[in-house]
């Protein structure tokens, strides 16, 4: 399996839980390409060697990705 942004290409991934009251904007989840609506709890995932590639993921999309 080749490395990608989310499996080590840019180092470890820092994962932080965003609580609903902290979610002040809409985002697009790279796991499903669907909207994460303002006010929805989710993860923000940041590659340690490329913080500008930070992305916001639905809980289920990130958890499903890491379970494989």
PDB file of N, CA and C in Angstrom:
ATOM      1  N   UNK A   1       0.847  -1.178   0.000  1.00  0.00           N
ATOM      2  CA  UNK A   1       0.000   0.000   0.000  1.00  0.00           C
ATOM      3  C   UNK A   1       0.894   1.243   0.000  1.00  0.00           C
ATOM      4  N   UNK A   2       0.648   2.166  -0.888  1.00  0.00           N
ATOM      5  CA  UNK A   2       1.437   3.392  -0.935  1.00  0.00           C
ATOM      6  C   UNK A   2       0.983   4.344   0.169  1.00  0.00           C
ATOM      7  N   UNK A   3       1.896   5.187   0.564  1.00  0.00           N
ATOM      8  CA  UNK A   3       1.569   6.149   1.616  1.00  0.00           C
ATOM      9  C   UNK A   3       0.747   7.291   1.041  1.00  0.00           C
ATOM     10  N   UNK A   4      -0.144   7.796   1.858  1.00  0.00           N
ATOM     11  CA  UNK A   4      -0.933   8.971   1.502  1.00  0.00           C
ATOM     12  C   UNK A   4      -0.808   9.979   2.640  1.00  0.00           C
ATOM     13  N   UNK A   5      -1.436  11.106   2.458  1.00  0.00           N
ATOM     14  CA  UNK A   5      -1.422  12.131   3.507  1.00  0.00           C
ATOM     15  C   UNK A   5      -1.861  11.524   4.837  1.00  0.00           C
ATOM     16  N   UNK A   6      -2.867  10.647   4.799  1.00  0.00           N
ATOM     17  CA  UNK A   6      -3.500  10.168   6.025  1.00  0.00           C
ATOM     18  C   UNK A   6      -2.923   8.872   6.550  1.00  0.00           C
ATOM     19  N   UNK A   7      -1.907   8.304   5.905  1.00  0.00           N
ATOM     20  CA  UNK A   7      -1.287   7.103   6.479  1.00  0.00           C
ATOM     21  C   UNK A   7       0.228   7.211   6.525  1.00  0.00           C
ATOM     22  N   UNK A   8       0.736   8.392   6.839  1.00  0.00           N
ATOM     23  CA  UNK A   8       2.143   8.535   7.148  1.00  0.00           C
ATOM     24  C   UNK A   8       3.015   9.276   6.167  1.00  0.00           C
ATOM     25  N   UNK A   9       2.512   9.690   5.040  1.00  0.00           N
ATOM     26  CA  UNK A   9       3.335  10.399   4.064  1.00  0.00           C
ATOM     27  C   UNK A   9       3.971  11.650   4.668  1.00  0.00           C
ATOM     28  N   UNK A  10       3.228  12.365   5.502  1.00  0.00           N
ATOM     29  CA  UNK A  10       3.734  13.592   6.127  1.00  0.00           C
ATOM     30  C   UNK A  10       3.845  13.448   7.638  1.00  0.00           C
ATOM     31  N   UNK A  11       4.236  12.283   8.105  1.00  0.00           N
ATOM     32  CA  UNK A  11       4.430  12.059   9.536  1.00  0.00           C
ATOM     33  C   UNK A  11       3.146  11.660  10.245  1.00  0.00           C
ATOM     34  N   UNK A  12       3.236  11.651  11.559  1.00  0.00           N
ATOM     35  CA  UNK A  12       2.080  11.291  12.378  1.00  0.00           C
ATOM     36  C   UNK A  12       0.962  12.304  12.199  1.00  0.00           C
ATOM     37  N   UNK A  13      -0.255  11.855  12.458  1.00  0.00           N
ATOM     38  CA  UNK A  13      -1.432  12.711  12.354  1.00  0.00           C
ATOM     39  C   UNK A  13      -1.898  13.074  13.760  1.00  0.00           C
ATOM     40  N   UNK A  14      -1.973  14.356  14.034  1.00  0.00           N
ATOM     41  CA  UNK A  14      -2.553  14.825  15.292  1.00  0.00           C
ATOM     42  C   UNK A  14      -4.058  14.919  15.079  1.00  0.00           C
ATOM     43  N   UNK A  15      -4.812  14.244  15.933  1.00  0.00           N
ATOM     44  CA  UNK A  15      -6.271  14.228  15.816  1.00  0.00           C
ATOM     45  C   UNK A  15      -6.857  14.906  17.046  1.00  0.00           C
ATOM     46  N   UNK A  16      -7.681  15.913  16.817  1.00  0.00           N
ATOM     47  CA  UNK A  16      -8.320  16.646  17.916  1.00  0.00           C
ATOM     48  C   UNK A  16      -9.822  16.637  17.710  1.00  0.00           C
ATOM     49  N   UNK A  17     -10.535  16.393  18.782  1.00  0.00           N
ATOM     50  CA  UNK A  17     -11.995  16.396  18.742  1.00  0.00           C
ATOM     51  C   UNK A  17     -12.495  17.832  18.802  1.00  0.00           C
ATOM     52  N   UNK A  18     -13.363  18.199  17.879  1.00  0.00           N
ATOM     53  CA  UNK A  18     -13.994  19.521  17.873  1.00  0.00           C
ATOM     54  C   UNK A  18     -15.413  19.333  18.406  1.00  0.00           C
ATOM     55  N   UNK A  19     -15.725  20.003  19.497  1.00  0.00           N
ATOM     56  CA  UNK A  19     -17.056  19.904  20.090  1.00  0.00           C
ATOM     57  C   UNK A  19     -18.046  20.744  19.277  1.00  0.00           C
ATOM     58  N   UNK A  20     -19.324  20.395  19.315  1.00  0.00           N
ATOM     59  CA  UNK A  20     -20.311  21.138  18.522  1.00  0.00           C
ATOM     60  C   UNK A  20     -20.286  22.651  18.754  1.00  0.00           C
ATOM     61  N   UNK A  21     -20.100  23.086  19.987  1.00  0.00           N
ATOM     62  CA  UNK A  21     -20.086  24.534  20.245  1.00  0.00           C
ATOM     63  C   UNK A  21     -18.845  25.218  19.662  1.00  0.00           C
ATOM     64  N   UNK A  22     -17.807  24.431  19.326  1.00  0.00           N
ATOM     65  CA  UNK A  22     -16.586  24.991  18.731  1.00  0.00           C
ATOM     66  C   UNK A  22     -16.647  25.035  17.204  1.00  0.00           C
ATOM     67  N   UNK A  23     -17.585  24.314  16.628  1.00  0.00           N
ATOM     68  CA  UNK A  23     -17.669  24.189  15.166  1.00  0.00           C
ATOM     69  C   UNK A  23     -18.442  25.384  14.602  1.00  0.00           C
ATOM     70  N   UNK A  24     -17.712  26.410  14.231  1.00  0.00           N
ATOM     71  CA  UNK A  24     -18.332  27.672  13.828  1.00  0.00           C
ATOM     72  C   UNK A  24     -18.469  27.840  12.321  1.00  0.00           C
ATOM     73  N   UNK A  25     -17.975  26.871  11.552  1.00  0.00           N
ATOM     74  CA  UNK A  25     -18.020  26.951  10.087  1.00  0.00           C
ATOM     75  C   UNK A  25     -18.462  25.616   9.511  1.00  0.00           C
ATOM     76  N   UNK A  26     -18.833  25.625   8.246  1.00  0.00           N
ATOM     77  CA  UNK A  26     -19.078  24.389   7.510  1.00  0.00           C
ATOM     78  C   UNK A  26     -17.762  23.918   6.905  1.00  0.00           C
ATOM     79  N   UNK A  27     -17.576  22.604   6.820  1.00  0.00           N
ATOM     80  CA  UNK A  27     -16.384  22.009   6.214  1.00  0.00           C
ATOM     81  C   UNK A  27     -16.818  20.876   5.297  1.00  0.00           C
ATOM     82  N   UNK A  28     -15.926  20.427   4.443  1.00  0.00           N
ATOM     83  CA  UNK A  28     -16.157  19.243   3.617  1.00  0.00           C
ATOM     84  C   UNK A  28     -15.246  18.137   4.144  1.00  0.00           C
ATOM     85  N   UNK A  29     -15.818  17.001   4.466  1.00  0.00           N
ATOM     86  CA  UNK A  29     -15.071  15.854   4.974  1.00  0.00           C
ATOM     87  C   UNK A  29     -14.386  15.143   3.805  1.00  0.00           C
ATOM     88  N   UNK A  30     -13.055  14.932   3.869  1.00  0.00           N
ATOM     89  CA  UNK A  30     -12.374  14.231   2.781  1.00  0.00           C
ATOM     90  C   UNK A  30     -12.688  12.738   2.744  1.00  0.00           C
ATOM     91  N   UNK A  31     -13.280  12.208   3.804  1.00  0.00           N
ATOM     92  CA  UNK A  31     -13.622  10.789   3.833  1.00  0.00           C
ATOM     93  C   UNK A  31     -14.841  10.443   3.005  1.00  0.00           C
ATOM     94  N   UNK A  32     -15.803  11.374   2.935  1.00  0.00           N
ATOM     95  CA  UNK A  32     -17.052  11.108   2.207  1.00  0.00           C
ATOM     96  C   UNK A  32     -17.424  12.229   1.244  1.00  0.00           C
ATOM     97  N   UNK A  33     -16.655  13.310   1.256  1.00  0.00           N
ATOM     98  CA  UNK A  33     -16.921  14.493   0.420  1.00  0.00           C
ATOM     99  C   UNK A  33     -18.283  15.123   0.686  1.00  0.00           C
ATOM    100  N   UNK A  34     -18.774  14.949   1.906  1.00  0.00           N
ATOM    101  CA  UNK A  34     -20.037  15.558   2.318  1.00  0.00           C
ATOM    102  C   UNK A  34     -19.752  16.676   3.318  1.00  0.00           C
ATOM    103  N   UNK A  35     -20.721  17.536   3.469  1.00  0.00           N
ATOM    104  CA  UNK A  35     -20.568  18.673   4.370  1.00  0.00           C
ATOM    105  C   UNK A  35     -20.592  18.249   5.835  1.00  0.00           C
ATOM    106  N   UNK A  36     -19.759  18.890   6.626  1.00  0.00           N
ATOM    107  CA  UNK A  36     -19.853  18.859   8.081  1.00  0.00           C
ATOM    108  C   UNK A  36     -20.470  20.204   8.441  1.00  0.00           C
ATOM    109  N   UNK A  37     -21.701  20.179   8.863  1.00  0.00           N
ATOM    110  CA  UNK A  37     -22.435  21.422   9.105  1.00  0.00           C
ATOM    111  C   UNK A  37     -21.926  22.142  10.349  1.00  0.00           C
ATOM    112  N   UNK A  38     -22.030  23.444  10.317  1.00  0.00           N
ATOM    113  CA  UNK A  38     -21.731  24.287  11.473  1.00  0.00           C
ATOM    114  C   UNK A  38     -22.487  23.732  12.678  1.00  0.00           C
ATOM    115  N   UNK A  39     -21.823  23.632  13.822  1.00  0.00           N
ATOM    116  CA  UNK A  39     -22.468  23.123  15.028  1.00  0.00           C
ATOM    117  C   UNK A  39     -22.431  21.614  15.169  1.00  0.00           C
ATOM    118  N   UNK A  40     -21.718  20.925  14.271  1.00  0.00           N
ATOM    119  CA  UNK A  40     -21.605  19.468  14.315  1.00  0.00           C
ATOM    120  C   UNK A  40     -20.231  19.090  14.857  1.00  0.00           C
ATOM    121  N   UNK A  41     -20.196  18.233  15.859  1.00  0.00           N
ATOM    122  CA  UNK A  41     -18.925  17.749  16.381  1.00  0.00           C
ATOM    123  C   UNK A  41     -18.207  16.928  15.323  1.00  0.00           C
ATOM    124  N   UNK A  42     -16.876  17.011  15.313  1.00  0.00           N
ATOM    125  CA  UNK A  42     -16.082  16.288  14.319  1.00  0.00           C
ATOM    126  C   UNK A  42     -14.624  16.277  14.767  1.00  0.00           C
ATOM    127  N   UNK A  43     -13.751  15.664  13.959  1.00  0.00           N
ATOM    128  CA  UNK A  43     -12.311  15.679  14.222  1.00  0.00           C
ATOM    129  C   UNK A  43     -11.631  16.683  13.311  1.00  0.00           C
ATOM    130  N   UNK A  44     -10.566  17.305  13.807  1.00  0.00           N
ATOM    131  CA  UNK A  44      -9.644  18.036  12.941  1.00  0.00           C
ATOM    132  C   UNK A  44      -8.344  17.231  12.983  1.00  0.00           C
ATOM    133  N   UNK A  45      -7.827  16.896  11.803  1.00  0.00           N
ATOM    134  CA  UNK A  45      -6.666  16.019  11.667  1.00  0.00           C
ATOM    135  C   UNK A  45      -5.553  16.776  10.957  1.00  0.00           C
ATOM    136  N   UNK A  46      -4.374  16.787  11.588  1.00  0.00           N
ATOM    137  CA  UNK A  46      -3.265  17.608  11.095  1.00  0.00           C
ATOM    138  C   UNK A  46      -2.011  16.752  10.946  1.00  0.00           C
ATOM    139  N   UNK A  47      -1.490  16.594   9.721  1.00  0.00           N
ATOM    140  CA  UNK A  47      -0.214  15.893   9.549  1.00  0.00           C
ATOM    141  C   UNK A  47       0.911  16.700  10.217  1.00  0.00           C
ATOM    142  N   UNK A  48       1.742  16.037  11.020  1.00  0.00           N
ATOM    143  CA  UNK A  48       2.770  16.762  11.784  1.00  0.00           C
ATOM    144  C   UNK A  48       3.768  17.499  10.901  1.00  0.00           C
ATOM    145  N   UNK A  49       4.065  16.976   9.724  1.00  0.00           N
ATOM    146  CA  UNK A  49       5.049  17.617   8.847  1.00  0.00           C
ATOM    147  C   UNK A  49       4.421  18.526   7.788  1.00  0.00           C
ATOM    148  N   UNK A  50       3.106  18.643   7.799  1.00  0.00           N
ATOM    149  CA  UNK A  50       2.427  19.493   6.812  1.00  0.00           C
ATOM    150  C   UNK A  50       1.143  20.070   7.414  1.00  0.00           C
ATOM    151  N   UNK A  51       1.269  20.951   8.411  1.00  0.00           N
ATOM    152  CA  UNK A  51       0.076  21.469   9.084  1.00  0.00           C
ATOM    153  C   UNK A  51      -0.881  22.222   8.166  1.00  0.00           C
ATOM    154  N   UNK A  52      -0.389  22.708   7.034  1.00  0.00           N
ATOM    155  CA  UNK A  52      -1.268  23.402   6.086  1.00  0.00           C
ATOM    156  C   UNK A  52      -2.230  22.436   5.395  1.00  0.00           C
ATOM    157  N   UNK A  53      -2.026  21.127   5.563  1.00  0.00           N
ATOM    158  CA  UNK A  53      -2.937  20.130   4.986  1.00  0.00           C
ATOM    159  C   UNK A  53      -4.004  19.687   5.990  1.00  0.00           C
ATOM    160  N   UNK A  54      -4.190  20.460   7.041  1.00  0.00           N
ATOM    161  CA  UNK A  54      -5.218  20.164   8.058  1.00  0.00           C
ATOM    162  C   UNK A  54      -6.567  19.961   7.383  1.00  0.00           C
ATOM    163  N   UNK A  55      -7.310  18.947   7.842  1.00  0.00           N
ATOM    164  CA  UNK A  55      -8.642  18.677   7.308  1.00  0.00           C
ATOM    165  C   UNK A  55      -9.586  18.319   8.449  1.00  0.00           C
ATOM    166  N   UNK A  56     -10.858  18.538   8.210  1.00  0.00           N
ATOM    167  CA  UNK A  56     -11.914  18.246   9.175  1.00  0.00           C
ATOM    168  C   UNK A  56     -12.667  17.010   8.694  1.00  0.00           C
ATOM    169  N   UNK A  57     -12.834  16.035   9.584  1.00  0.00           N
ATOM    170  CA  UNK A  57     -13.454  14.750   9.252  1.00  0.00           C
ATOM    171  C   UNK A  57     -14.657  14.492  10.159  1.00  0.00           C
ATOM    172  N   UNK A  58     -15.700  13.858   9.609  1.00  0.00           N
ATOM    173  CA  UNK A  58     -16.769  13.315  10.456  1.00  0.00           C
ATOM    174  C   UNK A  58     -16.138  12.271  11.379  1.00  0.00           C
ATOM    175  N   UNK A  59     -16.673  12.132  12.583  1.00  0.00           N
ATOM    176  CA  UNK A  59     -16.174  11.098  13.492  1.00  0.00           C
ATOM    177  C   UNK A  59     -16.195   9.736  12.807  1.00  0.00           C
ATOM    178  N   UNK A  60     -17.330   9.365  12.232  1.00  0.00           N
ATOM    179  CA  UNK A  60     -17.487   8.029  11.639  1.00  0.00           C
ATOM    180  C   UNK A  60     -16.540   7.806  10.465  1.00  0.00           C
ATOM    181  N   UNK A  61     -16.329   8.813   9.644  1.00  0.00           N
ATOM    182  CA  UNK A  61     -15.432   8.660   8.485  1.00  0.00           C
ATOM    183  C   UNK A  61     -14.001   8.408   8.939  1.00  0.00           C
ATOM    184  N   UNK A  62     -13.516   9.175   9.920  1.00  0.00           N
ATOM    185  CA  UNK A  62     -12.148   8.969  10.403  1.00  0.00           C
ATOM    186  C   UNK A  62     -12.027   7.617  11.097  1.00  0.00           C
ATOM    187  N   UNK A  63     -13.001   7.281  11.945  1.00  0.00           N
ATOM    188  CA  UNK A  63     -12.951   6.011  12.672  1.00  0.00           C
ATOM    189  C   UNK A  63     -13.004   4.827  11.712  1.00  0.00           C
ATOM    190  N   UNK A  64     -13.804   4.907  10.676  1.00  0.00           N
ATOM    191  CA  UNK A  64     -13.894   3.839   9.675  1.00  0.00           C
ATOM    192  C   UNK A  64     -12.559   3.708   8.934  1.00  0.00           C
ATOM    193  N   UNK A  65     -11.937   4.816   8.615  1.00  0.00           N
ATOM    194  CA  UNK A  65     -10.664   4.813   7.907  1.00  0.00           C
ATOM    195  C   UNK A  65      -9.563   4.168   8.748  1.00  0.00           C
ATOM    196  N   UNK A  66      -9.541   4.468  10.034  1.00  0.00           N
ATOM    197  CA  UNK A  66      -8.491   3.939  10.896  1.00  0.00           C
ATOM    198  C   UNK A  66      -8.755   2.499  11.315  1.00  0.00           C
ATOM    199  N   UNK A  67      -9.976   2.001  11.146  1.00  0.00           N
ATOM    200  CA  UNK A  67     -10.308   0.622  11.518  1.00  0.00           C
ATOM    201  C   UNK A  67      -9.814  -0.376  10.478  1.00  0.00           C
ATOM    202  N   UNK A  68      -9.521   0.087   9.269  1.00  0.00           N
ATOM    203  CA  UNK A  68      -9.085  -0.819   8.189  1.00  0.00           C
ATOM    204  C   UNK A  68      -7.611  -1.109   8.251  1.00  0.00           C
TER     205      UNK A  68
END
